[in-house]
């Protein structure tokens, strides 16, 4: 049987993928909702979102702090993904009118007592930022790079305040609030319709101790520190507003409108630009090239060696030669013997298929631009729903494998597939949610949403797993290419480097090496609250991960069979699955080197969620390695003559 493949195959794939990345990997997206056209003086609804901090990872609702209130607080409709992310979008007291600049507009005056001052101080100390939304665009603060003056970076949201000392000196450790916001709304004119579309929403926050000379008259009060009639505007924080007991804070804002050449369809580009894009490009392409080269070498060596083995075995003619079988052919009577804990293996393989389907379909939709960042929570919602519907394939895969192992209780396997992985994840998630609830954070999932998740699980996922299991079990079982002996042969003593633990740990290094650079950017986007939208690169990395998992498992499986050890089922799964251990270790390294988390609850959240991610990665990579080895063993044993 001819099983050689052209050595140019992987090179061709690499070229095609890199061309794809150049065109689609960086920031291709569909802009999402249809554009909103505004006429002059049209009202622009400014909304407020959660308060976020990279130090605590605990979001809070905007009105959990005593900011200025609108007449009535109205919650915006949220999808499942937004609720799970902790988004709480509400209306605000800010009133914008299209192309009508405002100067020194007063929102309200707040008198602080000791309790309120402490609340503000705590949030300022934890570096909380305020997130706002205008026409579905998040608020950003433009910042100049110190090393490159012409490059502008955008920080999502503005800090509530700063900790330090007065510009004139004095003791350190004081807290100042950003109580004056200078907004810039960028718009693009539609010359044909004589309307405008919003393409940018920026702010510069200032801390100003406002003063007024006459009696306080609400929004009509004339301030001496910010008076457009006297051409006295806020341009710095030289006289900042301190947060302390019995302090009086006046909240004000300016609005400017600037025409922009940026079209509405491209307005998200500034949000999606990576700050270190050159390093990202070089690192990703370099990493993928190395992994592709290694994979190509491994594939060529394996295929050439196997071709020689099969040719040699098929040329054995005499009985004496047949009795002197060596290597992997010697264990043909035991290689398809069902493993210990075969039920558990079936469950994990089925769960891995479910994960693979979910990630593949999500990635395709993301690459095609359907999961636009303008649809907040869309990615998480899509993944949850796909996970639920992929239960059909989970049940089918686990039942097919169980039938091959001569199993008869398919309902038990289906039940285990339905509940094992989701059950473990749900328990961890529930504990973490209880911790968030204890901190009174908006990140805590409400009871109604928790009920909806359980309903998706029990109402849709479990029945679909049962349907898949029924179909898979009723199909004829997969026939082994060789017969299995009744009495298992003894496995000879193995060399130290073929020790199961050693070979499994070695096997996980290459798959982890394929993803660890991209993993850095993913972790940064999640835990440092940045947008991640280079799904073209991620799709390439996913493709490389599949190749790497498959090939490293096949190589180590081949060496294992050559040393007359036929217990390959679990080892194939664990070999590529061990990359999850390296992922968790890297996440630990990232925690101590890149994050500034100090709270115990926040640390527990980080490690809890990374434990779930590592567990999912184990199931995914383990299943890929298992199926690769399953295909490989069936291929080689069906290619040799066995008397």
Foldseek 3Di string as FASTA:
>chain_A
DADDDDLCVLVVVLVVLVVLLVVQQAFDFFLPDDFDWAAFFAKWWKKWKWKAFLQQRFTAGPPVAPDQAAPDKDWDDDDLLCLLSLITIITGQDIDTPQDWDFWFWRWKDWAAAVNLVVLLVQQVRFIFIWMDIRLDIEWAWDADPVHRVDIATHGGGTQWHFFAAPVDDDGGWIFGQQEKEKEWEWEADVVVRTITTQHIYIDTEFAQWDADDDDDTRPGAIPCIHVVVPRHDDYHNPGQTRHHRGMGIHTYIYHYHYDPDDNRCSCVSQRDDPPVVCVVVVLSVLLVVLSVVLSVLVNVVSVVLVVVQVVQQPDDDPVSVVPDAFLVVQLQALLQQAPPNLVLLLLLLLLQLLVQLVVVLLVCLSVRNQPVSRRSSSVVSSLLSSLLSLLSSLLRSLLSCVQNVHDCLVVSLVCSLCVLVVVLVVLVVVLLVLSVVVVGSSRNDPVSVVVSVCSSVVGRSVSSVNSNVVNNPDDHDDFLDHHDPDRDDQDDDDPCLPLVNQLLVLQPSLLSLCVSVVVVVCCCSSVVGDHRSSSSVVSSVVSSLSSLLSSLQVSCSVCSNSVNSNNQQSLLSNNLSNLVVQLVVLVVCCVPPGNHDDPSSVSSSSSVSVSVSVSSSSNSSSSSNVSNVVVVRVSSNSHDDD
